[in-house]
Amino acid sequence: MRHAYVEETLRPGKLARWQIHQKETIGEIIFRTTKVRNRLMLELMARGGMRVGEVLKLNAADVDDQQLIRNPKSGKTSEAVFIPKSWPTG
């Protein structure tokens, strides 16, 4: 005997559809961001391939000269994200 409540609870939900934006649109969003902290976070995510959680867990010890060493979720031991010498400002 099946219970409707159990079936409804365990039924897989609809998958969210991700909207992919053009590179120029992302660049414009970053360029128009006025707070340096927010701009840095967006740059690291968009151009450095970092996830939100990885950016939020960063600290000063992770930066070595012009590269950012991180331990990604992908299973690799570590990855480096290179930071340009002159960060663009608005």
Protein backbone atom coordinates (compact mmCIF):
# COMPACT_ATOMS: atom_id res chain seq x y z
CA MET A 1 0.00 0.00 0.00
CA ARG A 2 1.47 3.33 -1.03
CA HIS A 3 1.05 6.51 0.88
CA ALA A 4 0.48 9.69 -1.12
CA TYR A 5 2.35 11.81 1.43
CA VAL A 6 5.50 9.67 1.17
CA GLU A 7 5.39 9.68 -2.62
CA GLU A 8 4.89 13.44 -2.73
CA THR A 9 7.70 14.04 -0.25
CA LEU A 10 10.21 11.81 -2.02
CA ARG A 11 9.30 12.85 -5.57
CA PRO A 12 12.21 14.64 -7.21
CA GLY A 13 11.56 18.33 -7.74
CA LYS A 14 11.94 20.25 -10.95
CA LEU A 15 15.48 21.15 -11.87
CA ALA A 16 16.30 24.84 -11.92
CA ARG A 17 17.29 26.14 -15.33
CA TRP A 18 20.44 28.24 -15.27
CA GLN A 19 20.51 31.31 -17.44
CA ILE A 20 23.91 31.80 -19.03
CA HIS A 21 24.93 35.42 -19.61
CA GLN A 22 27.28 36.76 -22.24
CA LYS A 23 30.86 37.59 -21.26
CA GLU A 24 30.25 41.27 -22.07
CA THR A 25 27.24 41.38 -19.72
CA ILE A 26 29.26 39.93 -16.84
CA GLY A 27 32.07 42.41 -17.54
CA GLU A 28 29.60 45.30 -17.48
CA ILE A 29 28.15 44.14 -14.15
CA ILE A 30 31.64 43.94 -12.66
CA PHE A 31 32.64 47.32 -14.12
CA ARG A 32 29.56 49.03 -12.64
CA THR A 33 30.16 47.60 -9.17
CA THR A 34 31.36 50.47 -6.99
CA LYS A 35 32.53 48.68 -3.83
CA VAL A 36 36.03 47.23 -4.16
CA ARG A 37 35.17 44.20 -2.01
CA ASN A 38 32.20 43.28 -4.21
CA ARG A 39 34.16 43.85 -7.40
CA LEU A 40 36.96 41.59 -6.18
CA MET A 41 34.49 38.87 -5.27
CA LEU A 42 32.81 39.06 -8.69
CA GLU A 43 36.16 39.05 -10.50
CA LEU A 44 37.35 35.96 -8.61
CA MET A 45 34.13 34.11 -9.37
CA ALA A 46 33.75 35.17 -13.01
CA ARG A 47 37.34 35.15 -14.18
CA GLY A 48 39.02 32.96 -11.58
CA GLY A 49 36.44 30.20 -11.67
CA MET A 50 35.92 30.27 -7.93
CA ARG A 51 32.68 29.34 -6.20
CA VAL A 52 30.92 31.69 -3.77
CA GLY A 53 31.89 29.56 -0.76
CA GLU A 54 35.54 29.48 -1.84
CA VAL A 55 35.64 33.27 -2.15
CA LEU A 56 34.01 33.74 1.24
CA LYS A 57 36.52 31.42 2.93
CA LEU A 58 39.57 33.31 1.62
CA ASN A 59 41.98 34.98 4.00
CA ALA A 60 45.20 36.98 3.63
CA ALA A 61 47.39 33.89 4.05
CA ASP A 62 45.96 32.46 0.81
CA VAL A 63 47.59 35.22 -1.27
CA ASP A 64 51.22 34.71 -2.29
CA ASP A 65 52.67 37.53 -4.42
CA GLN A 66 50.35 37.60 -7.46
CA GLN A 67 48.66 34.27 -7.04
CA LEU A 68 45.92 32.95 -4.85
CA ILE A 69 46.34 29.38 -3.64
CA ARG A 70 43.13 27.53 -2.90
CA ASN A 71 41.99 24.02 -2.10
CA PRO A 72 39.07 23.36 -4.46
CA LYS A 73 36.15 20.96 -4.12
CA SER A 74 37.20 19.22 -7.34
CA GLY A 75 39.49 16.87 -5.40
CA LYS A 76 42.76 18.44 -6.57
CA THR A 77 45.29 19.18 -3.85
CA SER A 78 45.51 22.88 -4.71
CA GLU A 79 44.97 25.33 -7.54
CA ALA A 80 46.35 28.80 -8.22
CA VAL A 81 44.37 31.80 -9.42
CA PHE A 82 46.62 34.53 -10.85
CA ILE A 83 45.87 38.12 -9.89
CA PRO A 84 46.90 40.97 -12.21
CA LYS A 85 49.35 43.58 -10.86
CA SER A 86 47.02 46.52 -11.41
CA TRP A 87 43.47 45.61 -10.54
CA PRO A 88 41.04 47.69 -12.61
CA THR A 89 39.18 50.33 -10.65
CA GLY A 90 35.95 52.10 -11.55
